[in-house]
Amino acid sequence: MKRSRLTTMRAITICTMAILTGATGGCINVNAPTKPIEINLNINVTQEVVYRLDNEAKSLIQQNPGIF
């Protein structure tokens, strides 16, 4: 008798879960957006360039300013 009661409880539980799953199955809709997705990235890129000339190149440029 205990076995049949346990089997009945399992069957009721499975039926209840099936009904709840079927009832909530149509509530979720996934649709593609009609407008394109816009991602606004406000990025400010600042770059510093540091250069050093060795003394020989520096003196060459000072002697011949028309080189460049």
PDB file of N, CA and C in Angstrom:
ATOM      1  N   MET A   1       0.806  -1.185   0.000  1.00  0.00           N
ATOM      2  CA  MET A   1       0.000   0.000   0.000  1.00  0.00           C
ATOM      3  C   MET A   1       0.861   1.266   0.000  1.00  0.00           C
ATOM      4  N   LYS A   2       1.972   1.239   0.702  1.00  0.00           N
ATOM      5  CA  LYS A   2       2.860   2.386   0.714  1.00  0.00           C
ATOM      6  C   LYS A   2       3.432   2.638  -0.674  1.00  0.00           C
ATOM      7  N   ARG A   3       3.715   1.569  -1.395  1.00  0.00           N
ATOM      8  CA  ARG A   3       4.301   1.687  -2.725  1.00  0.00           C
ATOM      9  C   ARG A   3       3.304   2.336  -3.691  1.00  0.00           C
ATOM     10  N   SER A   4       2.057   1.970  -3.649  1.00  0.00           N
ATOM     11  CA  SER A   4       1.067   2.537  -4.555  1.00  0.00           C
ATOM     12  C   SER A   4       0.800   4.005  -4.221  1.00  0.00           C
ATOM     13  N   ARG A   5       0.884   4.345  -2.950  1.00  0.00           N
ATOM     14  CA  ARG A   5       0.689   5.743  -2.557  1.00  0.00           C
ATOM     15  C   ARG A   5       1.848   6.595  -3.084  1.00  0.00           C
ATOM     16  N   LEU A   6       3.066   6.079  -2.987  1.00  0.00           N
ATOM     17  CA  LEU A   6       4.240   6.787  -3.494  1.00  0.00           C
ATOM     18  C   LEU A   6       4.163   6.942  -5.002  1.00  0.00           C
ATOM     19  N   THR A   7       3.740   5.912  -5.686  1.00  0.00           N
ATOM     20  CA  THR A   7       3.585   5.974  -7.136  1.00  0.00           C
ATOM     21  C   THR A   7       2.520   6.994  -7.523  1.00  0.00           C
ATOM     22  N   THR A   8       1.441   7.036  -6.782  1.00  0.00           N
ATOM     23  CA  THR A   8       0.376   8.008  -7.053  1.00  0.00           C
ATOM     24  C   THR A   8       0.883   9.437  -6.840  1.00  0.00           C
ATOM     25  N   MET A   9       1.653   9.661  -5.794  1.00  0.00           N
ATOM     26  CA  MET A   9       2.189  10.989  -5.510  1.00  0.00           C
ATOM     27  C   MET A   9       3.161  11.430  -6.619  1.00  0.00           C
ATOM     28  N   ARG A  10       3.971  10.498  -7.091  1.00  0.00           N
ATOM     29  CA  ARG A  10       4.889  10.817  -8.189  1.00  0.00           C
ATOM     30  C   ARG A  10       4.115  11.160  -9.452  1.00  0.00           C
ATOM     31  N   ALA A  11       3.084  10.422  -9.730  1.00  0.00           N
ATOM     32  CA  ALA A  11       2.278  10.680 -10.928  1.00  0.00           C
ATOM     33  C   ALA A  11       1.599  12.037 -10.835  1.00  0.00           C
ATOM     34  N   ILE A  12       1.083  12.367  -9.655  1.00  0.00           N
ATOM     35  CA  ILE A  12       0.445  13.686  -9.475  1.00  0.00           C
ATOM     36  C   ILE A  12       1.471  14.799  -9.631  1.00  0.00           C
ATOM     37  N   THR A  13       2.647  14.605  -9.081  1.00  0.00           N
ATOM     38  CA  THR A  13       3.711  15.607  -9.188  1.00  0.00           C
ATOM     39  C   THR A  13       4.124  15.802 -10.645  1.00  0.00           C
ATOM     40  N   ILE A  14       4.299  14.717 -11.374  1.00  0.00           N
ATOM     41  CA  ILE A  14       4.690  14.807 -12.781  1.00  0.00           C
ATOM     42  C   ILE A  14       3.603  15.490 -13.596  1.00  0.00           C
ATOM     43  N   CYS A  15       2.346  15.153 -13.353  1.00  0.00           N
ATOM     44  CA  CYS A  15       1.240  15.792 -14.083  1.00  0.00           C
ATOM     45  C   CYS A  15       1.159  17.286 -13.776  1.00  0.00           C
ATOM     46  N   THR A  16       1.342  17.646 -12.506  1.00  0.00           N
ATOM     47  CA  THR A  16       1.309  19.060 -12.110  1.00  0.00           C
ATOM     48  C   THR A  16       2.434  19.834 -12.787  1.00  0.00           C
ATOM     49  N   MET A  17       3.621  19.269 -12.824  1.00  0.00           N
ATOM     50  CA  MET A  17       4.755  19.931 -13.466  1.00  0.00           C
ATOM     51  C   MET A  17       4.521  20.070 -14.965  1.00  0.00           C
ATOM     52  N   ALA A  18       3.941  19.050 -15.577  1.00  0.00           N
ATOM     53  CA  ALA A  18       3.663  19.101 -17.012  1.00  0.00           C
ATOM     54  C   ALA A  18       2.639  20.188 -17.321  1.00  0.00           C
ATOM     55  N   ILE A  19       1.620  20.305 -16.482  1.00  0.00           N
ATOM     56  CA  ILE A  19       0.596  21.333 -16.695  1.00  0.00           C
ATOM     57  C   ILE A  19       1.187  22.728 -16.519  1.00  0.00           C
ATOM     58  N   LEU A  20       2.006  22.912 -15.482  1.00  0.00           N
ATOM     59  CA  LEU A  20       2.626  24.226 -15.252  1.00  0.00           C
ATOM     60  C   LEU A  20       3.600  24.582 -16.368  1.00  0.00           C
ATOM     61  N   THR A  21       4.336  23.612 -16.844  1.00  0.00           N
ATOM     62  CA  THR A  21       5.272  23.867 -17.944  1.00  0.00           C
ATOM     63  C   THR A  21       4.513  24.213 -19.215  1.00  0.00           C
ATOM     64  N   GLY A  22       3.456  23.526 -19.489  1.00  0.00           N
ATOM     65  CA  GLY A  22       2.655  23.815 -20.679  1.00  0.00           C
ATOM     66  C   GLY A  22       1.955  25.155 -20.585  1.00  0.00           C
ATOM     67  N   ALA A  23       1.558  25.538 -19.390  1.00  0.00           N
ATOM     68  CA  ALA A  23       0.850  26.806 -19.211  1.00  0.00           C
ATOM     69  C   ALA A  23       1.782  27.994 -19.379  1.00  0.00           C
ATOM     70  N   THR A  24       3.033  27.855 -18.984  1.00  0.00           N
ATOM     71  CA  THR A  24       3.970  28.983 -19.089  1.00  0.00           C
ATOM     72  C   THR A  24       4.772  28.939 -20.375  1.00  0.00           C
ATOM     73  N   GLY A  25       4.624  27.922 -21.185  1.00  0.00           N
ATOM     74  CA  GLY A  25       5.422  27.787 -22.401  1.00  0.00           C
ATOM     75  C   GLY A  25       5.146  28.861 -23.434  1.00  0.00           C
ATOM     76  N   GLY A  26       3.943  29.379 -23.524  1.00  0.00           N
ATOM     77  CA  GLY A  26       3.622  30.368 -24.536  1.00  0.00           C
ATOM     78  C   GLY A  26       3.796  31.796 -24.077  1.00  0.00           C
ATOM     79  N   CYS A  27       4.283  32.026 -22.872  1.00  0.00           N
ATOM     80  CA  CYS A  27       4.388  33.384 -22.329  1.00  0.00           C
ATOM     81  C   CYS A  27       5.672  34.089 -22.754  1.00  0.00           C
ATOM     82  N   ILE A  28       6.646  33.387 -23.226  1.00  0.00           N
ATOM     83  CA  ILE A  28       7.933  33.984 -23.545  1.00  0.00           C
ATOM     84  C   ILE A  28       8.049  34.134 -25.056  1.00  0.00           C
ATOM     85  N   ASN A  29       8.240  35.372 -25.514  1.00  0.00           N
ATOM     86  CA  ASN A  29       8.440  35.644 -26.933  1.00  0.00           C
ATOM     87  C   ASN A  29       9.790  36.307 -27.126  1.00  0.00           C
ATOM     88  N   VAL A  30      10.522  35.863 -28.116  1.00  0.00           N
ATOM     89  CA  VAL A  30      11.811  36.463 -28.448  1.00  0.00           C
ATOM     90  C   VAL A  30      11.705  37.013 -29.860  1.00  0.00           C
ATOM     91  N   ASN A  31      11.830  38.336 -29.992  1.00  0.00           N
ATOM     92  CA  ASN A  31      11.743  38.983 -31.298  1.00  0.00           C
ATOM     93  C   ASN A  31      12.999  39.801 -31.550  1.00  0.00           C
ATOM     94  N   ALA A  32      13.396  39.887 -32.803  1.00  0.00           N
ATOM     95  CA  ALA A  32      14.523  40.726 -33.172  1.00  0.00           C
ATOM     96  C   ALA A  32      14.079  42.188 -33.131  1.00  0.00           C
ATOM     97  N   PRO A  33      14.959  43.105 -32.748  1.00  0.00           N
ATOM     98  CA  PRO A  33      14.585  44.514 -32.701  1.00  0.00           C
ATOM     99  C   PRO A  33      14.360  45.067 -34.110  1.00  0.00           C
ATOM    100  N   THR A  34      13.458  46.037 -34.224  1.00  0.00           N
ATOM    101  CA  THR A  34      13.182  46.636 -35.523  1.00  0.00           C
ATOM    102  C   THR A  34      14.224  47.692 -35.868  1.00  0.00           C
ATOM    103  N   LYS A  35      14.780  48.350 -34.861  1.00  0.00           N
ATOM    104  CA  LYS A  35      15.835  49.341 -35.098  1.00  0.00           C
ATOM    105  C   LYS A  35      17.181  48.706 -34.778  1.00  0.00           C
ATOM    106  N   PRO A  36      18.245  49.144 -35.442  1.00  0.00           N
ATOM    107  CA  PRO A  36      19.564  48.583 -35.122  1.00  0.00           C
ATOM    108  C   PRO A  36      19.996  48.982 -33.709  1.00  0.00           C
ATOM    109  N   ILE A  37      20.758  48.140 -33.094  1.00  0.00           N
ATOM    110  CA  ILE A  37      21.262  48.410 -31.750  1.00  0.00           C
ATOM    111  C   ILE A  37      22.394  49.410 -31.865  1.00  0.00           C
ATOM    112  N   GLU A  38      22.303  50.500 -31.105  1.00  0.00           N
ATOM    113  CA  GLU A  38      23.318  51.553 -31.157  1.00  0.00           C
ATOM    114  C   GLU A  38      24.127  51.519 -29.874  1.00  0.00           C
ATOM    115  N   ILE A  39      25.431  51.401 -30.034  1.00  0.00           N
ATOM    116  CA  ILE A  39      26.336  51.405 -28.890  1.00  0.00           C
ATOM    117  C   ILE A  39      27.183  52.670 -29.008  1.00  0.00           C
ATOM    118  N   ASN A  40      26.990  53.576 -28.069  1.00  0.00           N
ATOM    119  CA  ASN A  40      27.685  54.852 -28.098  1.00  0.00           C
ATOM    120  C   ASN A  40      28.895  54.762 -27.181  1.00  0.00           C
ATOM    121  N   LEU A  41      30.069  54.827 -27.764  1.00  0.00           N
ATOM    122  CA  LEU A  41      31.307  54.773 -26.994  1.00  0.00           C
ATOM    123  C   LEU A  41      31.981  56.137 -27.053  1.00  0.00           C
ATOM    124  N   ASN A  42      31.945  56.848 -25.967  1.00  0.00           N
ATOM    125  CA  ASN A  42      32.626  58.136 -25.894  1.00  0.00           C
ATOM    126  C   ASN A  42      34.056  57.879 -25.426  1.00  0.00           C
ATOM    127  N   ILE A  43      34.943  57.797 -26.386  1.00  0.00           N
ATOM    128  CA  ILE A  43      36.340  57.486 -26.082  1.00  0.00           C
ATOM    129  C   ILE A  43      37.208  58.633 -26.587  1.00  0.00           C
ATOM    130  N   ASN A  44      38.031  59.134 -25.716  1.00  0.00           N
ATOM    131  CA  ASN A  44      38.963  60.183 -26.089  1.00  0.00           C
ATOM    132  C   ASN A  44      40.364  59.578 -26.073  1.00  0.00           C
ATOM    133  N   VAL A  45      40.982  59.548 -27.230  1.00  0.00           N
ATOM    134  CA  VAL A  45      42.306  58.955 -27.346  1.00  0.00           C
ATOM    135  C   VAL A  45      43.314  60.077 -27.504  1.00  0.00           C
ATOM    136  N   THR A  46      44.215  60.155 -26.584  1.00  0.00           N
ATOM    137  CA  THR A  46      45.279  61.155 -26.632  1.00  0.00           C
ATOM    138  C   THR A  46      46.607  60.404 -26.668  1.00  0.00           C
ATOM    139  N   GLN A  47      47.425  60.816 -27.593  1.00  0.00           N
ATOM    140  CA  GLN A  47      48.707  60.137 -27.731  1.00  0.00           C
ATOM    141  C   GLN A  47      49.806  61.171 -27.646  1.00  0.00           C
ATOM    142  N   GLU A  48      50.796  60.875 -26.874  1.00  0.00           N
ATOM    143  CA  GLU A  48      51.962  61.735 -26.780  1.00  0.00           C
ATOM    144  C   GLU A  48      53.139  61.024 -27.420  1.00  0.00           C
ATOM    145  N   VAL A  49      53.827  61.761 -28.243  1.00  0.00           N
ATOM    146  CA  VAL A  49      55.006  61.201 -28.884  1.00  0.00           C
ATOM    147  C   VAL A  49      56.214  61.972 -28.361  1.00  0.00           C
ATOM    148  N   VAL A  50      57.107  61.253 -27.780  1.00  0.00           N
ATOM    149  CA  VAL A  50      58.311  61.855 -27.235  1.00  0.00           C
ATOM    150  C   VAL A  50      59.479  61.301 -28.045  1.00  0.00           C
ATOM    151  N   TYR A  51      60.277  62.215 -28.552  1.00  0.00           N
ATOM    152  CA  TYR A  51      61.428  61.760 -29.316  1.00  0.00           C
ATOM    153  C   TYR A  51      62.671  62.488 -28.817  1.00  0.00           C
ATOM    154  N   ARG A  52      63.749  61.831 -28.978  1.00  0.00           N
ATOM    155  CA  ARG A  52      65.023  62.412 -28.581  1.00  0.00           C
ATOM    156  C   ARG A  52      66.005  62.219 -29.734  1.00  0.00           C
ATOM    157  N   LEU A  53      66.734  63.250 -29.984  1.00  0.00           N
ATOM    158  CA  LEU A  53      67.772  63.167 -31.010  1.00  0.00           C
ATOM    159  C   LEU A  53      69.125  63.120 -30.315  1.00  0.00           C
ATOM    160  N   ASP A  54      69.969  62.281 -30.795  1.00  0.00           N
ATOM    161  CA  ASP A  54      71.304  62.316 -30.220  1.00  0.00           C
ATOM    162  C   ASP A  54      72.003  63.595 -30.673  1.00  0.00           C
ATOM    163  N   ASN A  55      73.012  63.943 -30.008  1.00  0.00           N
ATOM    164  CA  ASN A  55      73.674  65.243 -30.220  1.00  0.00           C
ATOM    165  C   ASN A  55      74.163  65.421 -31.651  1.00  0.00           C
ATOM    166  N   GLU A  56      74.636  64.369 -32.265  1.00  0.00           N
ATOM    167  CA  GLU A  56      75.150  64.480 -33.631  1.00  0.00           C
ATOM    168  C   GLU A  56      74.022  64.830 -34.602  1.00  0.00           C
ATOM    169  N   ALA A  57      72.898  64.175 -34.500  1.00  0.00           N
ATOM    170  CA  ALA A  57      71.776  64.463 -35.381  1.00  0.00           C
ATOM    171  C   ALA A  57      71.225  65.854 -35.110  1.00  0.00           C
ATOM    172  N   LYS A  58      71.197  66.247 -33.862  1.00  0.00           N
ATOM    173  CA  LYS A  58      70.704  67.575 -33.507  1.00  0.00           C
ATOM    174  C   LYS A  58      71.595  68.676 -34.101  1.00  0.00           C
ATOM    175  N   SER A  59      72.876  68.495 -33.989  1.00  0.00           N
ATOM    176  CA  SER A  59      73.791  69.503 -34.538  1.00  0.00           C
ATOM    177  C   SER A  59      73.725  69.525 -36.067  1.00  0.00           C
ATOM    178  N   LEU A  60      73.503  68.374 -36.706  1.00  0.00           N
ATOM    179  CA  LEU A  60      73.381  68.310 -38.159  1.00  0.00           C
ATOM    180  C   LEU A  60      72.149  69.073 -38.622  1.00  0.00           C
ATOM    181  N   ILE A  61      71.045  68.924 -37.913  1.00  0.00           N
ATOM    182  CA  ILE A  61      69.816  69.633 -38.273  1.00  0.00           C
ATOM    183  C   ILE A  61      70.003  71.123 -38.056  1.00  0.00           C
ATOM    184  N   GLN A  62      70.702  71.527 -36.989  1.00  0.00           N
ATOM    185  CA  GLN A  62      70.900  72.958 -36.734  1.00  0.00           C
ATOM    186  C   GLN A  62      71.810  73.576 -37.794  1.00  0.00           C
ATOM    187  N   GLN A  63      72.784  72.826 -38.279  1.00  0.00           N
ATOM    188  CA  GLN A  63      73.687  73.340 -39.303  1.00  0.00           C
ATOM    189  C   GLN A  63      73.003  73.412 -40.668  1.00  0.00           C
ATOM    190  N   ASN A  64      72.107  72.499 -40.967  1.00  0.00           N
ATOM    191  CA  ASN A  64      71.414  72.445 -42.244  1.00  0.00           C
ATOM    192  C   ASN A  64      69.893  72.494 -42.025  1.00  0.00           C
ATOM    193  N   PRO A  65      69.335  73.664 -41.759  1.00  0.00           N
ATOM    194  CA  PRO A  65      67.895  73.739 -41.451  1.00  0.00           C
ATOM    195  C   PRO A  65      67.013  73.385 -42.657  1.00  0.00           C
ATOM    196  N   GLY A  66      67.528  73.412 -43.859  1.00  0.00           N
ATOM    197  CA  GLY A  66      66.733  73.105 -45.032  1.00  0.00           C
ATOM    198  C   GLY A  66      66.664  71.635 -45.379  1.00  0.00           C
ATOM    199  N   ILE A  67      67.240  70.771 -44.560  1.00  0.00           N
ATOM    200  CA  ILE A  67      67.244  69.340 -44.837  1.00  0.00           C
ATOM    201  C   ILE A  67      65.819  68.778 -44.869  1.00  0.00           C
ATOM    202  N   PHE A  68      65.018  69.187 -43.936  1.00  0.00           N
ATOM    203  CA  PHE A  68      63.659  68.638 -43.846  1.00  0.00           C
ATOM    204  C   PHE A  68      62.668  69.592 -44.407  1.00  0.00           C
TER     205      PHE A  68
END
